[in-house]
Amino acid sequence: MAYSRKIDDPAFDRFRRNSQNYSFLFSVGLAFLAIAGFYIYGELGSDMENPESLLIGATIGGMFMLIGIFSARSKKVRPSWDGVVSDKKIKEVKKDIGDGRNDALRLVYTVFIKGDYGKTAEIRSEDDDTLYNYYKKGDKVRYHGALNSYEKYDKSGDDIIFCNACAFLHDIGEDVCLNCGCPLLK
């Protein structure tokens, strides 16, 4: 029973850098597609011609670029802290399914963690009780700010473990995440 020392593994820093880079590169790709698509539409379409079509594509592409820049910058490191699972609740929520007539009933599972800094954090999942069942009232947890994830102190009775980098679910016997290659904190 302890928090894992593997949190300092360089694989986690690599994962964070890669996720920032991928989100930025994805937005650059979308920007390029928007500009190229509107240019082609301006050349081949009859509704709008270039340079008007190209200007619209450049505007939309610029918006994608801004989204990518802000997305990459928003993945900043937050402070880590310790806490205790203080409560767990299941709530039935009606969700509009878009047809205007029917609402779907969804279950929202919430785990409340009272932090050592006095505030309460929440872990929520909708229609999936895996995380809800993973945590028990009274469990000591550590929030890893660099990864925006939680680690349980006592994992001795667990059959499963979540990757703190990508949240992929694993059997407790595994040592490395099959999805992202980061070590599992056990």
N, C-alpha and C. Protein backbone atom coordinates (compact mmCIF):
# COMPACT_ATOMS: atom_id res chain seq x y z
N MET A 1 0.84 -1.18 0.00
CA MET A 1 0.00 0.00 0.00
C MET A 1 0.89 1.24 0.00
N ALA A 2 0.84 1.96 -1.11
CA ALA A 2 1.59 3.22 -1.21
C ALA A 2 1.28 3.85 -2.56
N TYR A 3 1.60 5.12 -2.65
CA TYR A 3 1.54 5.77 -3.95
C TYR A 3 2.78 5.36 -4.73
N SER A 4 2.62 5.14 -6.00
CA SER A 4 3.70 4.63 -6.83
C SER A 4 4.77 5.69 -7.09
N ARG A 5 6.01 5.24 -7.08
CA ARG A 5 7.13 6.13 -7.43
C ARG A 5 7.30 6.23 -8.94
N LYS A 6 6.57 5.40 -9.66
CA LYS A 6 6.68 5.40 -11.12
C LYS A 6 6.11 6.67 -11.76
N ILE A 7 5.48 7.54 -10.96
CA ILE A 7 4.92 8.78 -11.49
C ILE A 7 6.00 9.66 -12.10
N ASP A 8 7.24 9.47 -11.69
CA ASP A 8 8.35 10.27 -12.21
C ASP A 8 8.97 9.67 -13.47
N ASP A 9 8.38 8.61 -13.99
CA ASP A 9 8.89 7.97 -15.20
C ASP A 9 8.82 8.94 -16.38
N PRO A 10 9.87 9.03 -17.19
CA PRO A 10 9.88 9.95 -18.34
C PRO A 10 8.78 9.68 -19.36
N ALA A 11 8.19 8.50 -19.34
CA ALA A 11 7.11 8.18 -20.28
C ALA A 11 5.92 9.11 -20.09
N PHE A 12 5.66 9.54 -18.85
CA PHE A 12 4.54 10.45 -18.59
C PHE A 12 4.79 11.83 -19.20
N ASP A 13 6.02 12.33 -19.08
CA ASP A 13 6.34 13.62 -19.71
C ASP A 13 6.23 13.52 -21.23
N ARG A 14 6.70 12.41 -21.77
CA ARG A 14 6.60 12.19 -23.21
C ARG A 14 5.14 12.15 -23.64
N PHE A 15 4.29 11.47 -22.87
CA PHE A 15 2.86 11.40 -23.18
C PHE A 15 2.24 12.79 -23.18
N ARG A 16 2.54 13.60 -22.17
CA ARG A 16 1.98 14.96 -22.08
C ARG A 16 2.43 15.81 -23.28
N ARG A 17 3.71 15.76 -23.60
CA ARG A 17 4.22 16.54 -24.75
C ARG A 17 3.56 16.08 -26.04
N ASN A 18 3.47 14.76 -26.22
CA ASN A 18 2.86 14.23 -27.44
C ASN A 18 1.40 14.62 -27.55
N SER A 19 0.66 14.57 -26.45
CA SER A 19 -0.77 14.91 -26.53
C SER A 19 -0.94 16.40 -26.86
N GLN A 20 -0.06 17.25 -26.35
CA GLN A 20 -0.11 18.67 -26.73
C GLN A 20 0.20 18.83 -28.21
N ASN A 21 1.24 18.16 -28.67
CA ASN A 21 1.63 18.26 -30.08
C ASN A 21 0.55 17.71 -31.00
N TYR A 22 -0.04 16.58 -30.64
CA TYR A 22 -1.06 15.98 -31.49
C TYR A 22 -2.30 16.86 -31.60
N SER A 23 -2.70 17.47 -30.51
CA SER A 23 -3.89 18.33 -30.58
C SER A 23 -3.60 19.54 -31.46
N PHE A 24 -2.40 20.08 -31.37
CA PHE A 24 -2.04 21.22 -32.22
C PHE A 24 -1.95 20.78 -33.69
N LEU A 25 -1.30 19.66 -33.96
CA LEU A 25 -1.17 19.19 -35.34
C LEU A 25 -2.53 18.83 -35.95
N PHE A 26 -3.43 18.29 -35.14
CA PHE A 26 -4.78 17.98 -35.62
C PHE A 26 -5.49 19.25 -36.06
N SER A 27 -5.37 20.32 -35.27
CA SER A 27 -6.02 21.58 -35.64
C SER A 27 -5.36 22.20 -36.87
N VAL A 28 -4.06 22.05 -37.03
CA VAL A 28 -3.39 22.54 -38.24
C VAL A 28 -3.91 21.79 -39.46
N GLY A 29 -4.07 20.48 -39.32
CA GLY A 29 -4.62 19.67 -40.42
C GLY A 29 -6.03 20.10 -40.78
N LEU A 30 -6.88 20.34 -39.77
CA LEU A 30 -8.23 20.82 -40.05
C LEU A 30 -8.21 22.18 -40.73
N ALA A 31 -7.31 23.05 -40.29
CA ALA A 31 -7.20 24.38 -40.91
C ALA A 31 -6.82 24.25 -42.38
N PHE A 32 -5.85 23.39 -42.66
CA PHE A 32 -5.42 23.17 -44.04
C PHE A 32 -6.56 22.62 -44.89
N LEU A 33 -7.31 21.65 -44.33
CA LEU A 33 -8.43 21.08 -45.07
C LEU A 33 -9.52 22.12 -45.34
N ALA A 34 -9.78 22.98 -44.37
CA ALA A 34 -10.79 24.02 -44.57
C ALA A 34 -10.37 24.98 -45.68
N ILE A 35 -9.13 25.42 -45.65
CA ILE A 35 -8.65 26.35 -46.67
C ILE A 35 -8.66 25.70 -48.04
N ALA A 36 -8.12 24.48 -48.13
CA ALA A 36 -8.06 23.78 -49.42
C ALA A 36 -9.47 23.47 -49.92
N GLY A 37 -10.35 23.04 -49.03
CA GLY A 37 -11.72 22.70 -49.44
C GLY A 37 -12.47 23.91 -49.98
N PHE A 38 -12.36 25.03 -49.31
CA PHE A 38 -13.06 26.22 -49.79
C PHE A 38 -12.43 26.76 -51.07
N TYR A 39 -11.11 26.62 -51.21
CA TYR A 39 -10.47 27.04 -52.46
C TYR A 39 -10.98 26.20 -53.63
N ILE A 40 -11.02 24.89 -53.43
CA ILE A 40 -11.51 23.99 -54.49
C ILE A 40 -12.97 24.29 -54.80
N TYR A 41 -13.77 24.52 -53.77
CA TYR A 41 -15.18 24.86 -53.98
C TYR A 41 -15.30 26.16 -54.78
N GLY A 42 -14.44 27.14 -54.49
CA GLY A 42 -14.45 28.40 -55.24
C GLY A 42 -14.09 28.23 -56.69
N GLU A 43 -13.23 27.29 -56.97
CA GLU A 43 -12.80 27.04 -58.35
C GLU A 43 -13.84 26.23 -59.13
N LEU A 44 -14.48 25.27 -58.47
CA LEU A 44 -15.37 24.34 -59.17
C LEU A 44 -16.85 24.66 -58.99
N GLY A 45 -17.20 25.30 -57.88
CA GLY A 45 -18.61 25.56 -57.58
C GLY A 45 -19.13 26.77 -58.34
N SER A 46 -20.44 26.85 -58.44
CA SER A 46 -21.06 27.97 -59.14
C SER A 46 -21.66 29.00 -58.17
N ASP A 47 -21.79 28.65 -56.90
CA ASP A 47 -22.39 29.56 -55.92
C ASP A 47 -21.44 30.65 -55.48
N MET A 48 -20.16 30.35 -55.39
CA MET A 48 -19.18 31.28 -54.84
C MET A 48 -17.87 31.10 -55.59
N GLU A 49 -17.19 32.19 -55.85
CA GLU A 49 -15.91 32.12 -56.55
C GLU A 49 -14.79 32.57 -55.63
N ASN A 50 -13.59 32.25 -56.05
CA ASN A 50 -12.41 32.76 -55.34
C ASN A 50 -12.24 34.22 -55.71
N PRO A 51 -11.80 35.09 -54.90
CA PRO A 51 -11.15 34.93 -53.61
C PRO A 51 -12.13 34.89 -52.43
N GLU A 52 -13.44 35.11 -52.67
CA GLU A 52 -14.41 35.11 -51.57
C GLU A 52 -14.42 33.76 -50.87
N SER A 53 -14.45 32.67 -51.62
CA SER A 53 -14.46 31.34 -51.05
C SER A 53 -13.18 31.07 -50.26
N LEU A 54 -12.05 31.49 -50.81
CA LEU A 54 -10.77 31.30 -50.13
C LEU A 54 -10.72 32.10 -48.82
N LEU A 55 -11.28 33.29 -48.81
CA LEU A 55 -11.32 34.11 -47.61
C LEU A 55 -12.14 33.43 -46.51
N ILE A 56 -13.26 32.84 -46.86
CA ILE A 56 -14.08 32.11 -45.89
C ILE A 56 -13.30 30.91 -45.36
N GLY A 57 -12.64 30.18 -46.24
CA GLY A 57 -11.83 29.03 -45.81
C GLY A 57 -10.69 29.45 -44.90
N ALA A 58 -10.04 30.58 -45.21
CA ALA A 58 -8.95 31.07 -44.36
C ALA A 58 -9.47 31.49 -42.99
N THR A 59 -10.66 32.08 -42.95
CA THR A 59 -11.25 32.47 -41.66
C THR A 59 -11.54 31.24 -40.81
N ILE A 60 -12.16 30.24 -41.41
CA ILE A 60 -12.46 29.01 -40.68
C ILE A 60 -11.16 28.30 -40.28
N GLY A 61 -10.19 28.28 -41.17
CA GLY A 61 -8.88 27.69 -40.86
C GLY A 61 -8.20 28.42 -39.71
N GLY A 62 -8.30 29.73 -39.69
CA GLY A 62 -7.73 30.50 -38.59
C GLY A 62 -8.39 30.17 -37.26
N MET A 63 -9.70 29.96 -37.30
CA MET A 63 -10.40 29.57 -36.06
C MET A 63 -9.90 28.21 -35.56
N PHE A 64 -9.69 27.27 -36.49
CA PHE A 64 -9.15 25.97 -36.09
C PHE A 64 -7.75 26.13 -35.48
N MET A 65 -6.95 27.00 -36.05
CA MET A 65 -5.60 27.24 -35.52
C MET A 65 -5.68 27.81 -34.11
N LEU A 66 -6.56 28.77 -33.88
CA LEU A 66 -6.71 29.34 -32.53
C LEU A 66 -7.17 28.28 -31.53
N ILE A 67 -8.10 27.45 -31.95
CA ILE A 67 -8.56 26.37 -31.07
C ILE A 67 -7.40 25.45 -30.73
N GLY A 68 -6.57 25.12 -31.70
CA GLY A 68 -5.42 24.25 -31.47
C GLY A 68 -4.40 24.88 -30.53
N ILE A 69 -4.15 26.16 -30.69
CA ILE A 69 -3.20 26.85 -29.81
C ILE A 69 -3.72 26.86 -28.38
N PHE A 70 -4.99 27.23 -28.20
CA PHE A 70 -5.55 27.26 -26.85
C PHE A 70 -5.66 25.86 -26.25
N SER A 71 -5.95 24.87 -27.07
CA SER A 71 -6.04 23.50 -26.58
C SER A 71 -4.67 23.02 -26.09
N ALA A 72 -3.63 23.30 -26.84
CA ALA A 72 -2.28 22.89 -26.44
C ALA A 72 -1.83 23.62 -25.19
N ARG A 73 -2.17 24.89 -25.07
CA ARG A 73 -1.75 25.67 -23.90
C ARG A 73 -2.58 25.33 -22.66
N SER A 74 -3.80 24.79 -22.84
CA SER A 74 -4.65 24.51 -21.69
C SER A 74 -4.22 23.26 -20.94
N LYS A 75 -3.31 22.51 -21.49
CA LYS A 75 -2.85 21.28 -20.84
C LYS A 75 -1.70 21.56 -19.89
N LYS A 76 -1.81 22.66 -19.16
CA LYS A 76 -0.74 23.02 -18.23
C LYS A 76 -0.79 22.15 -16.98
N VAL A 77 0.31 22.12 -16.30
CA VAL A 77 0.45 21.30 -15.10
C VAL A 77 -0.25 21.98 -13.93
N ARG A 78 -1.11 21.25 -13.28
CA ARG A 78 -1.78 21.73 -12.07
C ARG A 78 -1.07 21.12 -10.86
N PRO A 79 -1.23 21.71 -9.69
CA PRO A 79 -0.58 21.12 -8.52
C PRO A 79 -1.20 19.78 -8.13
N SER A 80 -0.39 18.90 -7.60
CA SER A 80 -0.87 17.61 -7.10
C SER A 80 -1.32 17.79 -5.65
N TRP A 81 -2.24 16.93 -5.22
CA TRP A 81 -2.72 16.99 -3.85
C TRP A 81 -3.26 15.63 -3.43
N ASP A 82 -3.40 15.44 -2.12
CA ASP A 82 -3.94 14.21 -1.56
C ASP A 82 -5.34 14.45 -1.04
N GLY A 83 -6.15 13.39 -0.99
CA GLY A 83 -7.51 13.51 -0.50
C GLY A 83 -8.08 12.15 -0.12
N VAL A 84 -9.34 12.18 0.25
CA VAL A 84 -10.06 10.97 0.67
C VAL A 84 -11.42 10.94 -0.02
N VAL A 85 -11.83 9.76 -0.48
CA VAL A 85 -13.16 9.62 -1.06
C VAL A 85 -14.17 9.82 0.06
N SER A 86 -14.93 10.92 -0.04
CA SER A 86 -15.84 11.28 1.05
C SER A 86 -17.28 10.83 0.81
N ASP A 87 -17.66 10.67 -0.46
CA ASP A 87 -19.04 10.28 -0.75
C ASP A 87 -19.13 9.75 -2.17
N LYS A 88 -20.21 9.03 -2.44
CA LYS A 88 -20.51 8.52 -3.78
C LYS A 88 -22.00 8.62 -3.98
N LYS A 89 -22.40 9.07 -5.18
CA LYS A 89 -23.83 9.20 -5.46
C LYS A 89 -24.14 8.75 -6.88
N ILE A 90 -25.35 8.20 -7.02
CA ILE A 90 -25.89 7.85 -8.33
C ILE A 90 -27.13 8.69 -8.53
N LYS A 91 -27.20 9.36 -9.69
CA LYS A 91 -28.34 10.22 -9.96
C LYS A 91 -28.92 9.87 -11.34
N GLU A 92 -30.23 9.77 -11.38
CA GLU A 92 -30.93 9.53 -12.64
C GLU A 92 -31.23 10.89 -13.28
N VAL A 93 -30.79 11.08 -14.51
CA VAL A 93 -30.94 12.36 -15.20
C VAL A 93 -31.65 12.14 -16.53
N LYS A 94 -32.56 13.04 -16.84
CA LYS A 94 -33.22 12.99 -18.15
C LYS A 94 -32.38 13.78 -19.14
N LYS A 95 -32.13 13.16 -20.28
CA LYS A 95 -31.36 13.81 -21.35
C LYS A 95 -32.24 13.89 -22.59
N ASP A 96 -32.26 15.05 -23.20
CA ASP A 96 -33.00 15.23 -24.44
C ASP A 96 -32.27 14.48 -25.54
N ILE A 97 -32.96 13.60 -26.23
CA ILE A 97 -32.33 12.82 -27.29
C ILE A 97 -32.52 13.44 -28.66
N GLY A 98 -33.09 14.64 -28.70
CA GLY A 98 -33.11 15.39 -29.94
C GLY A 98 -34.37 15.30 -30.77
N ASP A 99 -35.29 14.42 -30.45
CA ASP A 99 -36.48 14.32 -31.29
C ASP A 99 -37.62 15.20 -30.78
N GLY A 100 -37.42 15.87 -29.64
CA GLY A 100 -38.42 16.79 -29.13
C GLY A 100 -39.55 16.12 -28.36
N ARG A 101 -39.65 14.82 -28.42
CA ARG A 101 -40.75 14.11 -27.76
C ARG A 101 -40.28 13.31 -26.55
N ASN A 102 -39.16 12.65 -26.67
CA ASN A 102 -38.73 11.71 -25.64
C ASN A 102 -37.45 12.17 -24.97
N ASP A 103 -37.37 11.91 -23.70
CA ASP A 103 -36.14 12.10 -22.95
C ASP A 103 -35.61 10.72 -22.57
N ALA A 104 -34.31 10.56 -22.65
CA ALA A 104 -33.69 9.30 -22.24
C ALA A 104 -33.24 9.43 -20.79
N LEU A 105 -33.46 8.39 -20.02
CA LEU A 105 -32.98 8.38 -18.64
C LEU A 105 -31.55 7.88 -18.64
N ARG A 106 -30.66 8.65 -18.03
CA ARG A 106 -29.25 8.31 -17.94
C ARG A 106 -28.88 8.24 -16.48
N LEU A 107 -27.93 7.39 -16.14
CA LEU A 107 -27.41 7.33 -14.78
C LEU A 107 -26.07 8.06 -14.74
N VAL A 108 -25.93 8.99 -13.80
CA VAL A 108 -24.69 9.73 -13.61
C VAL A 108 -24.09 9.25 -12.29
N TYR A 109 -22.89 8.69 -12.38
CA TYR A 109 -22.17 8.18 -11.21
C TYR A 109 -21.14 9.22 -10.80
N THR A 110 -21.16 9.63 -9.53
CA THR A 110 -20.25 10.66 -9.05
C THR A 110 -19.52 10.18 -7.80
N VAL A 111 -18.20 10.36 -7.82
CA VAL A 111 -17.35 10.08 -6.66
C VAL A 111 -16.82 11.42 -6.17
N PHE A 112 -17.01 11.70 -4.89
CA PHE A 112 -16.57 12.96 -4.30
C PHE A 112 -15.28 12.73 -3.51
N ILE A 113 -14.29 13.57 -3.77
CA ILE A 113 -13.00 13.46 -3.10
C ILE A 113 -12.73 14.75 -2.34
N LYS A 114 -12.64 14.63 -1.03
CA LYS A 114 -12.35 15.78 -0.18
C LYS A 114 -10.83 15.94 -0.15
N GLY A 115 -10.35 17.05 -0.73
CA GLY A 115 -8.93 17.29 -0.82
C GLY A 115 -8.35 17.83 0.47
N ASP A 116 -7.05 17.64 0.65
CA ASP A 116 -6.40 18.13 1.85
C ASP A 116 -6.33 19.66 1.88
N TYR A 117 -6.71 20.30 0.79
CA TYR A 117 -6.74 21.76 0.71
C TYR A 117 -8.12 22.31 1.04
N GLY A 118 -9.06 21.43 1.39
CA GLY A 118 -10.37 21.86 1.86
C GLY A 118 -11.51 21.80 0.86
N LYS A 119 -11.22 21.73 -0.40
CA LYS A 119 -12.28 21.68 -1.41
C LYS A 119 -12.58 20.23 -1.79
N THR A 120 -13.73 20.05 -2.44
CA THR A 120 -14.15 18.72 -2.87
C THR A 120 -14.11 18.64 -4.39
N ALA A 121 -13.45 17.61 -4.91
CA ALA A 121 -13.39 17.36 -6.34
C ALA A 121 -14.36 16.24 -6.67
N GLU A 122 -14.77 16.18 -7.94
CA GLU A 122 -15.72 15.16 -8.37
C GLU A 122 -15.17 14.39 -9.56
N ILE A 123 -15.40 13.09 -9.54
CA ILE A 123 -15.14 12.25 -10.71
C ILE A 123 -16.50 11.76 -11.16
N ARG A 124 -16.87 12.11 -12.39
CA ARG A 124 -18.19 11.73 -12.91
C ARG A 124 -18.06 10.83 -14.12
N SER A 125 -19.01 9.93 -14.22
CA SER A 125 -19.13 9.13 -15.44
C SER A 125 -20.62 8.91 -15.68
N GLU A 126 -20.96 8.80 -16.94
CA GLU A 126 -22.36 8.65 -17.32
C GLU A 126 -22.58 7.26 -17.89
N ASP A 127 -23.55 6.54 -17.31
CA ASP A 127 -23.94 5.21 -17.76
C ASP A 127 -22.82 4.18 -17.72
N ASP A 128 -21.79 4.41 -16.91
CA ASP A 128 -20.72 3.45 -16.73
C ASP A 128 -20.27 3.51 -15.27
N ASP A 129 -20.51 2.43 -14.54
CA ASP A 129 -20.22 2.43 -13.11
C ASP A 129 -18.83 1.89 -12.75
N THR A 130 -17.95 1.70 -13.72
CA THR A 130 -16.64 1.12 -13.47
C THR A 130 -15.82 1.97 -12.50
N LEU A 131 -15.67 3.27 -12.79
CA LEU A 131 -14.94 4.16 -11.89
C LEU A 131 -15.64 4.27 -10.54
N TYR A 132 -16.94 4.34 -10.58
CA TYR A 132 -17.73 4.45 -9.35
C TYR A 132 -17.46 3.26 -8.42
N ASN A 133 -17.41 2.06 -8.99
CA ASN A 133 -17.16 0.87 -8.19
C ASN A 133 -15.69 0.71 -7.81
N TYR A 134 -14.78 1.31 -8.58
CA TYR A 134 -13.34 1.23 -8.31
C TYR A 134 -12.99 1.93 -7.00
N TYR A 135 -13.65 3.04 -6.73
CA TYR A 135 -13.38 3.81 -5.51
C TYR A 135 -14.37 3.44 -4.42
N LYS A 136 -13.87 3.33 -3.21
CA LYS A 136 -14.70 3.06 -2.03
C LYS A 136 -14.63 4.27 -1.11
N LYS A 137 -15.70 4.48 -0.36
CA LYS A 137 -15.70 5.55 0.63
C LYS A 137 -14.55 5.33 1.61
N GLY A 138 -13.79 6.39 1.86
CA GLY A 138 -12.65 6.30 2.77
C GLY A 138 -11.33 6.03 2.08
N ASP A 139 -11.33 5.69 0.78
CA ASP A 139 -10.07 5.47 0.04
C ASP A 139 -9.24 6.75 0.04
N LYS A 140 -7.94 6.58 0.32
CA LYS A 140 -7.01 7.69 0.17
C LYS A 140 -6.60 7.76 -1.29
N VAL A 141 -6.59 8.96 -1.86
CA VAL A 141 -6.22 9.13 -3.27
C VAL A 141 -5.27 10.31 -3.41
N ARG A 142 -4.51 10.27 -4.48
CA ARG A 142 -3.62 11.39 -4.83
C ARG A 142 -4.02 11.86 -6.23
N TYR A 143 -4.22 13.16 -6.34
CA TYR A 143 -4.48 13.77 -7.64
C TYR A 143 -3.15 14.16 -8.25
N HIS A 144 -2.87 13.64 -9.44
CA HIS A 144 -1.64 13.99 -10.16
C HIS A 144 -1.98 15.09 -11.15
N GLY A 145 -1.62 16.32 -10.80
CA GLY A 145 -1.98 17.49 -11.60
C GLY A 145 -1.41 17.48 -13.00
N ALA A 146 -0.22 16.93 -13.18
CA ALA A 146 0.40 16.92 -14.51
C ALA A 146 -0.39 16.04 -15.47
N LEU A 147 -1.09 15.04 -14.94
CA LEU A 147 -1.84 14.11 -15.79
C LEU A 147 -3.35 14.26 -15.65
N ASN A 148 -3.79 15.12 -14.74
CA ASN A 148 -5.21 15.31 -14.47
C ASN A 148 -5.88 13.96 -14.18
N SER A 149 -5.27 13.19 -13.25
CA SER A 149 -5.79 11.87 -12.93
C SER A 149 -5.58 11.57 -11.44
N TYR A 150 -6.25 10.51 -10.98
CA TYR A 150 -6.21 10.13 -9.58
C TYR A 150 -5.56 8.75 -9.43
N GLU A 151 -4.84 8.58 -8.32
CA GLU A 151 -4.23 7.29 -7.99
C GLU A 151 -4.69 6.90 -6.59
N LYS A 152 -5.14 5.65 -6.44
CA LYS A 152 -5.51 5.14 -5.13
C LYS A 152 -4.25 4.77 -4.35
N TYR A 153 -4.30 4.99 -3.04
CA TYR A 153 -3.19 4.62 -2.17
C TYR A 153 -3.13 3.10 -2.00
N ASP A 154 -4.28 2.48 -1.72
CA ASP A 154 -4.34 1.04 -1.49
C ASP A 154 -4.99 0.35 -2.69
N LYS A 155 -4.16 -0.34 -3.46
CA LYS A 155 -4.65 -1.05 -4.64
C LYS A 155 -4.58 -2.56 -4.41
N SER A 156 -4.32 -2.96 -3.17
CA SER A 156 -4.06 -4.37 -2.87
C SER A 156 -5.26 -5.28 -3.13
N GLY A 157 -6.48 -4.78 -3.01
CA GLY A 157 -7.65 -5.63 -3.23
C GLY A 157 -8.28 -5.46 -4.60
N ASP A 158 -7.61 -4.76 -5.50
CA ASP A 158 -8.19 -4.46 -6.80
C ASP A 158 -7.85 -5.52 -7.85
N ASP A 159 -8.80 -5.72 -8.77
CA ASP A 159 -8.59 -6.60 -9.92
C ASP A 159 -8.21 -5.81 -11.16
N ILE A 160 -8.52 -4.51 -11.14
CA ILE A 160 -8.28 -3.64 -12.30
C ILE A 160 -7.48 -2.43 -11.85
N ILE A 161 -6.91 -1.74 -12.85
CA ILE A 161 -6.21 -0.48 -12.60
C ILE A 161 -6.34 0.36 -13.86
N PHE A 162 -6.46 1.66 -13.66
CA PHE A 162 -6.56 2.59 -14.78
C PHE A 162 -5.21 3.22 -15.05
N CYS A 163 -4.89 3.44 -16.31
CA CYS A 163 -3.68 4.16 -16.67
C CYS A 163 -3.88 5.62 -16.29
N ASN A 164 -2.92 6.19 -15.59
CA ASN A 164 -3.05 7.58 -15.17
C ASN A 164 -2.80 8.56 -16.32
N ALA A 165 -2.24 8.10 -17.40
CA ALA A 165 -2.01 8.98 -18.55
C ALA A 165 -3.23 9.02 -19.47
N CYS A 166 -3.69 7.86 -19.91
CA CYS A 166 -4.76 7.82 -20.92
C CYS A 166 -6.08 7.25 -20.41
N ALA A 167 -6.13 6.82 -19.15
CA ALA A 167 -7.33 6.28 -18.50
C ALA A 167 -7.78 4.93 -19.05
N PHE A 168 -6.93 4.24 -19.78
CA PHE A 168 -7.23 2.91 -20.32
C PHE A 168 -7.32 1.92 -19.16
N LEU A 169 -8.30 1.03 -19.20
CA LEU A 169 -8.52 0.06 -18.14
C LEU A 169 -7.66 -1.18 -18.36
N HIS A 170 -7.01 -1.65 -17.27
CA HIS A 170 -6.12 -2.81 -17.35
C HIS A 170 -6.40 -3.79 -16.23
N ASP A 171 -5.96 -5.03 -16.44
CA ASP A 171 -5.91 -6.01 -15.38
C ASP A 171 -4.79 -5.60 -14.42
N ILE A 172 -4.98 -5.81 -13.13
CA ILE A 172 -4.01 -5.37 -12.13
C ILE A 172 -2.64 -6.04 -12.32
N GLY A 173 -2.59 -7.16 -13.01
CA GLY A 173 -1.32 -7.87 -13.23
C GLY A 173 -0.43 -7.22 -14.28
N GLU A 174 -0.96 -6.32 -15.07
CA GLU A 174 -0.17 -5.68 -16.12
C GLU A 174 0.69 -4.56 -15.51
N ASP A 175 1.84 -4.30 -16.13
CA ASP A 175 2.76 -3.29 -15.62
C ASP A 175 2.83 -2.04 -16.48
N VAL A 176 2.53 -2.20 -17.77
CA VAL A 176 2.64 -1.08 -18.71
C VAL A 176 1.33 -0.96 -19.49
N CYS A 177 0.90 0.26 -19.73
CA CYS A 177 -0.33 0.50 -20.49
C CYS A 177 -0.15 0.05 -21.93
N LEU A 178 -1.06 -0.79 -22.39
CA LEU A 178 -1.01 -1.28 -23.77
C LEU A 178 -1.41 -0.19 -24.76
N ASN A 179 -2.10 0.84 -24.28
CA ASN A 179 -2.57 1.91 -25.16
C ASN A 179 -1.52 2.99 -25.39
N CYS A 180 -0.88 3.48 -24.31
CA CYS A 180 0.03 4.62 -24.44
C CYS A 180 1.47 4.31 -24.07
N GLY A 181 1.74 3.16 -23.46
CA GLY A 181 3.11 2.77 -23.12
C GLY A 181 3.61 3.32 -21.79
N CYS A 182 2.78 4.01 -21.04
CA CYS A 182 3.20 4.54 -19.74
C CYS A 182 3.09 3.43 -18.68
N PRO A 183 3.93 3.52 -17.63
CA PRO A 183 3.82 2.52 -16.57
C PRO A 183 2.52 2.70 -15.79
N LEU A 184 1.99 1.58 -15.31
CA LEU A 184 0.79 1.63 -14.47
C LEU A 184 1.23 1.88 -13.03
N LEU A 185 0.55 2.80 -12.37
CA LEU A 185 0.94 3.20 -11.01
C LEU A 185 0.36 2.24 -9.99
N LYS A 186 1.17 1.22 -9.67
CA LYS A 186 0.72 0.24 -8.66
C LYS A 186 1.84 -0.10 -7.73
